[in-house]
Amino acid sequence: MYNTSKVHLAFFSRVGFRDGTNDGYSVVDAANQVSESGRYFQDANALVTIPAIKDTHVDPDLSDEEFNEFLENVKKANILKAIDTVLPSPDVLKTARLFNNADNYARTIDKAGSFVGFKIVVPPRHNLKVSSITLEFNGVQDLNLYLFHTISETALQTKSITTGLGTSVTLDWDISSYDYPGGYFMLGYFADDLSGVLPYNRGWNYSECYEEFNYIGITSAYVAATSTGRPSITNLVETSETFGLNPMLSVRSDHTQVLLENVSRFDLLVSLYVAADLIERMKLSVRSDFYERQAAQAVTELEGSKEFGITGIYPQIKIETQKVYRDLFGKPVYFNGTSR
């Protein structure tokens, strides 16, 4: 996985479109013309021209604004396509509930004056998704869950819940080492917010044993704190006690950092993907007899031809994808079937 908004922001202006020079085709706006790399999509293949793109678009009444929105969407879609082809798999490394063994819910625990929950360490290039939490309390009341990080003075996430036994609460909290490098997170609640209700402390028949997660560090912990401000989580105490929270966790590879550090390495690959996308659209267009006559040429440009010595865009995509993968991850990527 990766942060798509950050990736789009970094990749979008790397390659641009030259404006059309024919009468009536000088329509590309400034944002789509920007090329930080000096590359332009028209250079990827001779069939990629502004007149060809515009005249074969499915909507003959497309305004200049709509045309530029189309170009923007094609760029964004193919940036992600190029990245997704390069990235290694599997992306999801493990998904499991933290405590899988049954408990008899016979022991409660009172940690008044403390913030209680979990200390979580997410190493570089990893992401932890807390999709939900199953609650294990001996009563019902409203309670706030918090997510803190050692680098932030305020809570990163807050969720109002209602306690109980076996109640599942959806969180969908992403905990990213890219957004918050170094230090650690703490997920939990202020025990003083409980009134007449206590969490169960697992301990029957190994019910307190964690599911093994090799890619992150997670352990129960507490620290002296009240609900008047952020706890001093740098002074927390790790413990074998549990505090009524049983999260569902999904550990994934987070490639955001490696992508943003190697933006320029994708310039050619994105150019090829955009060119292939546009030529495929031209090939299928029924708007112009001229472009219908060029359908055969479009197939040749996409697939290649030994007879005419044309490599083809799709074979180029395969070759470039292998090169980028090797540069970023140190070994070649292998394709099953076509790259389309």
Protein backbone atom coordinates (compact mmCIF):
# COMPACT_ATOMS: atom_id res chain seq x y z
CA MET A 1 0.00 0.00 0.00
CA TYR A 2 0.98 3.63 -0.28
CA ASN A 3 -0.46 7.06 0.31
CA THR A 4 -2.18 7.81 -3.01
CA SER A 5 -2.71 11.51 -2.32
CA LYS A 6 0.99 12.07 -1.54
CA VAL A 7 2.01 10.00 -4.55
CA HIS A 8 -0.31 11.87 -6.93
CA LEU A 9 1.03 15.19 -5.63
CA ALA A 10 4.64 14.14 -6.22
CA PHE A 11 4.15 12.33 -9.55
CA PHE A 12 1.56 14.43 -11.35
CA SER A 13 3.81 17.19 -12.69
CA ARG A 14 6.77 14.97 -13.58
CA VAL A 15 5.60 14.48 -17.20
CA GLY A 16 3.37 16.85 -19.15
CA PHE A 17 1.50 17.34 -22.41
CA ARG A 18 2.77 19.77 -25.02
CA ASP A 19 0.03 22.09 -26.15
CA GLY A 20 -1.43 21.56 -29.60
CA THR A 21 -0.07 23.79 -32.37
CA ASN A 22 -2.81 23.23 -34.97
CA ASP A 23 -5.63 25.75 -35.26
CA GLY A 24 -8.30 24.96 -32.69
CA TYR A 25 -6.10 22.57 -30.70
CA SER A 26 -4.21 24.93 -28.43
CA VAL A 27 -6.32 23.74 -25.50
CA VAL A 28 -3.97 22.17 -22.92
CA ASP A 29 -4.01 24.16 -19.69
CA ALA A 30 -0.93 25.18 -17.72
CA ALA A 31 -1.25 22.41 -15.10
CA ASN A 32 -1.25 19.66 -17.72
CA GLN A 33 1.68 21.22 -19.59
CA VAL A 34 4.04 21.24 -16.59
CA SER A 35 6.96 18.82 -17.00
CA GLU A 36 9.44 18.80 -14.15
CA SER A 37 11.41 16.02 -15.83
CA GLY A 38 11.52 17.55 -19.31
CA ARG A 39 9.56 14.56 -20.65
CA TYR A 40 6.30 14.88 -22.58
CA PHE A 41 3.73 12.20 -23.31
CA GLN A 42 3.85 12.98 -27.04
CA ASP A 43 7.47 11.74 -27.06
CA ALA A 44 6.38 8.23 -26.01
CA ASN A 45 4.76 7.57 -29.39
CA ALA A 46 4.04 9.51 -32.59
CA LEU A 47 0.32 8.68 -32.43
CA VAL A 48 -0.04 10.64 -29.20
CA THR A 49 -0.98 14.14 -30.35
CA ILE A 50 -3.50 16.62 -29.00
CA PRO A 51 -5.56 16.58 -32.23
CA ALA A 52 -5.65 12.76 -32.19
CA ILE A 53 -6.63 12.61 -28.53
CA LYS A 54 -9.33 15.25 -28.89
CA ASP A 55 -10.79 14.08 -32.21
CA THR A 56 -11.14 10.47 -31.06
CA HIS A 57 -12.66 11.25 -27.67
CA VAL A 58 -16.06 9.65 -27.19
CA ASP A 59 -17.67 13.08 -26.62
CA PRO A 60 -17.42 15.30 -29.72
CA ASP A 61 -18.79 18.29 -27.79
CA LEU A 62 -16.11 18.19 -25.09
CA SER A 63 -15.27 21.66 -23.76
CA ASP A 64 -11.64 22.70 -23.22
CA GLU A 65 -12.16 22.45 -19.47
CA GLU A 66 -13.60 18.95 -19.78
CA PHE A 67 -10.77 17.93 -22.10
CA ASN A 68 -8.18 19.01 -19.57
CA GLU A 69 -10.03 17.16 -16.83
CA PHE A 70 -9.89 14.07 -19.05
CA LEU A 71 -6.13 14.45 -19.51
CA GLU A 72 -5.70 14.89 -15.75
CA ASN A 73 -7.70 11.75 -15.01
CA VAL A 74 -5.74 9.72 -17.57
CA LYS A 75 -2.49 10.84 -15.94
CA LYS A 76 -3.65 10.03 -12.42
CA ALA A 77 -5.03 6.61 -13.36
CA ASN A 78 -1.86 5.58 -15.16
CA ILE A 79 0.44 6.85 -12.42
CA LEU A 80 -1.25 4.39 -10.07
CA LYS A 81 -1.25 1.66 -12.72
CA ALA A 82 2.50 2.03 -13.26
CA ILE A 83 3.17 1.95 -9.52
CA ASP A 84 0.90 -1.01 -8.86
CA THR A 85 2.65 -3.03 -11.57
CA VAL A 86 6.06 -2.40 -10.03
CA LEU A 87 5.30 -2.95 -6.36
CA PRO A 88 6.10 -6.38 -4.91
CA SER A 89 3.55 -8.69 -3.38
CA PRO A 90 2.19 -9.71 -0.97
CA ASP A 91 1.06 -6.33 0.25
CA VAL A 92 -0.84 -7.59 3.29
CA LEU A 93 1.67 -9.37 5.51
CA LYS A 94 -0.71 -10.57 8.22
CA THR A 95 -4.28 -10.04 9.41
CA ALA A 96 -5.38 -11.43 12.78
CA ARG A 97 -7.04 -10.62 16.08
CA LEU A 98 -4.50 -9.95 18.82
CA PHE A 99 -6.02 -12.40 21.31
CA ASN A 100 -7.39 -15.58 19.74
CA ASN A 101 -7.65 -17.89 22.77
CA ALA A 102 -10.88 -18.08 24.77
CA ASP A 103 -11.12 -16.45 28.20
CA ASN A 104 -13.53 -17.17 31.08
CA TYR A 105 -13.89 -13.45 31.91
CA ALA A 106 -13.53 -14.08 35.64
CA ARG A 107 -10.94 -11.39 36.46
CA THR A 108 -11.33 -7.63 36.23
CA ILE A 109 -8.64 -5.01 36.65
CA ASP A 110 -8.74 -1.49 38.08
CA LYS A 111 -6.02 0.86 36.87
CA ALA A 112 -7.50 4.13 38.15
CA GLY A 113 -5.26 7.12 37.52
CA SER A 114 -3.77 5.57 34.37
CA PHE A 115 -4.00 5.61 30.62
CA VAL A 116 -4.19 1.95 29.62
CA GLY A 117 -3.99 0.04 26.36
CA PHE A 118 -1.21 -0.94 23.98
CA LYS A 119 2.23 0.32 23.08
CA ILE A 120 2.65 -0.10 19.31
CA VAL A 121 5.91 0.14 17.34
CA VAL A 122 5.58 0.28 13.55
CA PRO A 123 8.94 -0.05 11.77
CA PRO A 124 9.87 1.89 8.62
CA ARG A 125 8.01 0.97 5.42
CA HIS A 126 5.16 -0.67 7.30
CA ASN A 127 1.57 0.24 8.05
CA LEU A 128 -0.73 -1.12 10.73
CA LYS A 129 -4.48 -0.94 10.21
CA VAL A 130 -6.65 -1.33 13.30
CA SER A 131 -9.90 -2.25 11.61
CA SER A 132 -11.94 -2.94 14.74
CA ILE A 133 -11.77 -3.68 18.46
CA THR A 134 -13.79 -6.24 20.38
CA LEU A 135 -14.60 -4.91 23.87
CA GLU A 136 -14.31 -6.99 27.05
CA PHE A 137 -15.88 -5.05 29.95
CA ASN A 138 -18.20 -6.11 32.76
CA GLY A 139 -20.74 -3.37 32.10
CA VAL A 140 -22.07 -0.77 29.71
CA GLN A 141 -21.09 2.90 29.57
CA ASP A 142 -19.76 5.51 27.14
CA LEU A 143 -15.98 5.74 26.80
CA ASN A 144 -13.48 7.43 24.49
CA LEU A 145 -10.65 5.55 22.78
CA TYR A 146 -7.51 7.49 21.82
CA LEU A 147 -4.48 6.99 19.61
CA PHE A 148 -1.36 8.93 20.59
CA HIS A 149 2.20 9.13 19.27
CA THR A 150 5.31 10.21 21.13
CA ILE A 151 5.92 13.00 18.60
CA SER A 152 2.45 14.55 18.89
CA GLU A 153 1.01 16.56 21.79
CA THR A 154 -2.57 15.83 20.75
CA ALA A 155 -4.46 12.64 19.96
CA LEU A 156 -4.13 11.42 16.37
CA GLN A 157 -7.49 9.66 16.55
CA THR A 158 -10.46 9.65 18.94
CA LYS A 159 -13.47 7.34 18.95
CA SER A 160 -16.52 7.38 21.21
CA ILE A 161 -17.59 3.84 22.08
CA THR A 162 -19.99 2.02 24.39
CA THR A 163 -18.40 -0.69 26.53
CA GLY A 164 -19.73 -4.21 26.96
CA LEU A 165 -18.68 -7.83 26.52
CA GLY A 166 -18.23 -9.01 22.95
CA THR A 167 -19.21 -5.71 21.35
CA SER A 168 -17.21 -4.97 18.19
CA VAL A 169 -16.39 -1.36 17.32
CA THR A 170 -15.21 -0.35 13.84
CA LEU A 171 -12.16 1.95 13.84
CA ASP A 172 -10.35 1.70 10.48
CA TRP A 173 -7.35 3.55 11.94
CA ASP A 174 -4.18 3.55 9.81
CA ILE A 175 -0.98 3.70 11.84
CA SER A 176 1.84 4.64 9.49
CA SER A 177 5.57 4.82 10.10
CA TYR A 178 5.82 7.23 7.15
CA ASP A 179 3.51 9.82 8.70
CA TYR A 180 5.00 9.41 12.19
CA PRO A 181 8.59 8.14 11.94
CA GLY A 182 10.42 6.96 15.04
CA GLY A 183 8.98 6.70 18.53
CA TYR A 184 5.85 4.67 19.11
CA PHE A 185 2.08 4.83 19.35
CA MET A 186 -0.26 4.13 22.24
CA LEU A 187 -3.85 3.06 21.75
CA GLY A 188 -6.19 2.98 24.73
CA TYR A 189 -8.34 4.97 27.14
CA PHE A 190 -8.21 6.86 30.44
CA ALA A 191 -9.21 4.46 33.21
CA ASP A 192 -10.66 7.36 35.22
CA ASP A 193 -13.33 7.75 32.53
CA LEU A 194 -14.84 4.46 33.72
CA SER A 195 -17.48 4.65 36.44
CA GLY A 196 -18.65 1.40 38.02
CA VAL A 197 -17.45 -0.57 35.00
CA LEU A 198 -14.16 -2.46 34.77
CA PRO A 199 -12.28 -4.20 31.96
CA TYR A 200 -11.62 -7.92 32.07
CA ASN A 201 -7.99 -8.97 32.55
CA ARG A 202 -7.32 -12.04 30.43
CA GLY A 203 -5.41 -14.88 32.10
CA TRP A 204 -7.36 -18.13 31.85
CA ASN A 205 -5.85 -21.01 29.85
CA TYR A 206 -3.26 -18.80 28.11
CA SER A 207 -5.97 -16.42 26.89
CA GLU A 208 -3.58 -13.49 27.42
CA CYS A 209 -1.11 -14.87 24.83
CA TYR A 210 -0.71 -12.64 21.80
CA GLU A 211 -1.07 -13.71 18.20
CA GLU A 212 2.45 -13.50 16.78
CA PHE A 213 3.14 -10.47 14.59
CA ASN A 214 6.66 -10.52 13.16
CA TYR A 215 6.48 -7.12 11.48
CA ILE A 216 5.36 -4.84 14.34
CA GLY A 217 5.83 -4.54 18.09
CA ILE A 218 2.71 -4.51 20.27
CA THR A 219 2.37 -5.03 24.02
CA SER A 220 -0.05 -4.08 26.80
CA ALA A 221 1.05 -0.99 28.67
CA TYR A 222 -0.12 1.75 31.04
CA VAL A 223 1.10 5.10 32.31
CA ALA A 224 0.01 7.37 35.12
CA ALA A 225 -2.44 9.90 33.63
CA THR A 226 -5.81 11.54 34.04
CA SER A 227 -8.19 12.60 31.31
CA THR A 228 -7.10 16.26 31.48
CA GLY A 229 -4.48 16.00 28.76
CA ARG A 230 -2.15 13.82 26.76
CA PRO A 231 -0.49 11.15 28.92
CA SER A 232 3.26 11.15 29.32
CA ILE A 233 3.50 8.01 27.25
CA THR A 234 7.30 8.16 27.19
CA ASN A 235 7.12 6.93 30.80
CA LEU A 236 4.74 4.05 30.21
CA VAL A 237 5.08 0.61 31.81
CA GLU A 238 4.82 -2.57 29.74
CA THR A 239 2.76 -5.32 31.37
CA SER A 240 1.20 -8.75 30.82
CA GLU A 241 -2.15 -7.40 32.07
CA THR A 242 -4.93 -6.72 29.55
CA PHE A 243 -7.48 -3.91 29.62
CA GLY A 244 -10.61 -5.05 27.81
CA LEU A 245 -9.45 -4.33 24.26
CA ASN A 246 -8.96 -7.03 21.62
CA PRO A 247 -8.06 -5.38 18.28
CA MET A 248 -8.24 -6.80 14.77
CA LEU A 249 -4.92 -5.91 13.13
CA SER A 250 -3.67 -5.92 9.56
CA VAL A 251 0.02 -5.35 8.86
CA ARG A 252 0.89 -4.15 5.38
CA SER A 253 3.97 -3.03 3.50
CA ASP A 254 3.96 0.76 3.15
CA HIS A 255 5.83 1.80 0.00
CA THR A 256 5.11 5.54 0.26
CA GLN A 257 8.64 6.49 1.28
CA VAL A 258 10.44 4.44 -1.37
CA LEU A 259 8.11 5.82 -4.05
CA LEU A 260 8.59 9.45 -3.05
CA GLU A 261 12.36 8.97 -2.88
CA ASN A 262 12.41 7.56 -6.43
CA VAL A 263 9.81 9.65 -8.27
CA SER A 264 12.03 10.28 -11.29
CA ARG A 265 12.57 6.55 -11.79
CA PHE A 266 8.93 6.26 -12.90
CA ASP A 267 8.97 9.03 -15.55
CA LEU A 268 9.41 6.77 -18.57
CA LEU A 269 7.09 4.06 -17.26
CA VAL A 270 4.26 6.52 -16.60
CA SER A 271 4.80 8.02 -20.07
CA LEU A 272 4.44 4.60 -21.65
CA TYR A 273 1.31 3.75 -19.68
CA VAL A 274 -0.36 7.04 -20.59
CA ALA A 275 0.56 6.59 -24.26
CA ALA A 276 -0.82 3.04 -24.28
CA ASP A 277 -4.06 4.16 -22.64
CA LEU A 278 -4.60 6.98 -25.15
CA ILE A 279 -3.78 4.85 -28.19
CA GLU A 280 -6.17 2.12 -26.98
CA ARG A 281 -8.90 4.78 -26.86
CA MET A 282 -8.00 5.99 -30.36
CA LYS A 283 -8.08 2.42 -31.66
CA LEU A 284 -11.62 1.93 -30.41
CA SER A 285 -12.94 5.31 -31.54
CA VAL A 286 -15.70 5.39 -34.15
CA ARG A 287 -15.69 9.16 -34.55
CA SER A 288 -13.32 9.56 -37.45
CA ASP A 289 -12.65 7.63 -40.66
CA PHE A 290 -9.08 8.87 -40.51
CA TYR A 291 -8.46 7.27 -37.14
CA GLU A 292 -10.33 4.12 -38.13
CA ARG A 293 -7.80 3.74 -40.95
CA GLN A 294 -5.04 4.07 -38.35
CA ALA A 295 -6.44 1.28 -36.16
CA ALA A 296 -4.02 -1.27 -37.64
CA GLN A 297 -1.11 1.09 -37.02
CA ALA A 298 -2.30 1.57 -33.45
CA VAL A 299 -2.19 -2.19 -32.85
CA THR A 300 1.34 -2.31 -34.24
CA GLU A 301 2.48 0.57 -32.07
CA LEU A 302 1.01 -1.12 -28.99
CA GLU A 303 2.05 -4.73 -29.59
CA GLY A 304 5.13 -4.23 -31.75
CA SER A 305 6.18 -5.81 -35.06
CA LYS A 306 9.31 -7.82 -35.82
CA GLU A 307 8.70 -7.28 -39.52
CA PHE A 308 8.88 -3.50 -39.22
CA GLY A 309 11.33 -3.43 -36.31
CA ILE A 310 8.86 -1.83 -33.90
CA THR A 311 9.29 -2.82 -30.26
CA GLY A 312 5.78 -1.79 -29.22
CA ILE A 313 4.62 0.07 -26.13
CA TYR A 314 3.46 -3.00 -24.19
CA PRO A 315 6.80 -4.80 -24.57
CA GLN A 316 8.51 -1.55 -23.55
CA ILE A 317 6.30 -1.41 -20.45
CA LYS A 318 7.36 -4.93 -19.46
CA ILE A 319 11.04 -4.13 -19.92
CA GLU A 320 10.85 -0.82 -18.04
CA THR A 321 8.79 -2.33 -15.21
CA GLN A 322 11.49 -4.96 -14.65
CA LYS A 323 14.17 -2.27 -14.62
CA VAL A 324 12.32 -0.08 -12.10
CA TYR A 325 11.53 -3.05 -9.86
CA ARG A 326 15.17 -4.16 -9.90
CA ASP A 327 16.38 -0.64 -9.09
CA LEU A 328 13.97 -0.25 -6.18
CA PHE A 329 13.82 -3.76 -4.75
CA GLY A 330 16.93 -5.49 -6.04
CA LYS A 331 15.51 -8.34 -8.10
CA PRO A 332 13.53 -8.73 -11.34
CA VAL A 333 9.75 -8.95 -11.49
CA TYR A 334 8.13 -11.71 -13.51
CA PHE A 335 4.92 -11.33 -15.50
CA ASN A 336 2.19 -13.89 -15.93
CA GLY A 337 0.49 -13.20 -19.24
CA THR A 338 0.05 -9.72 -20.67
CA SER A 339 0.87 -6.41 -19.02
CA ARG A 340 -2.53 -4.99 -20.02
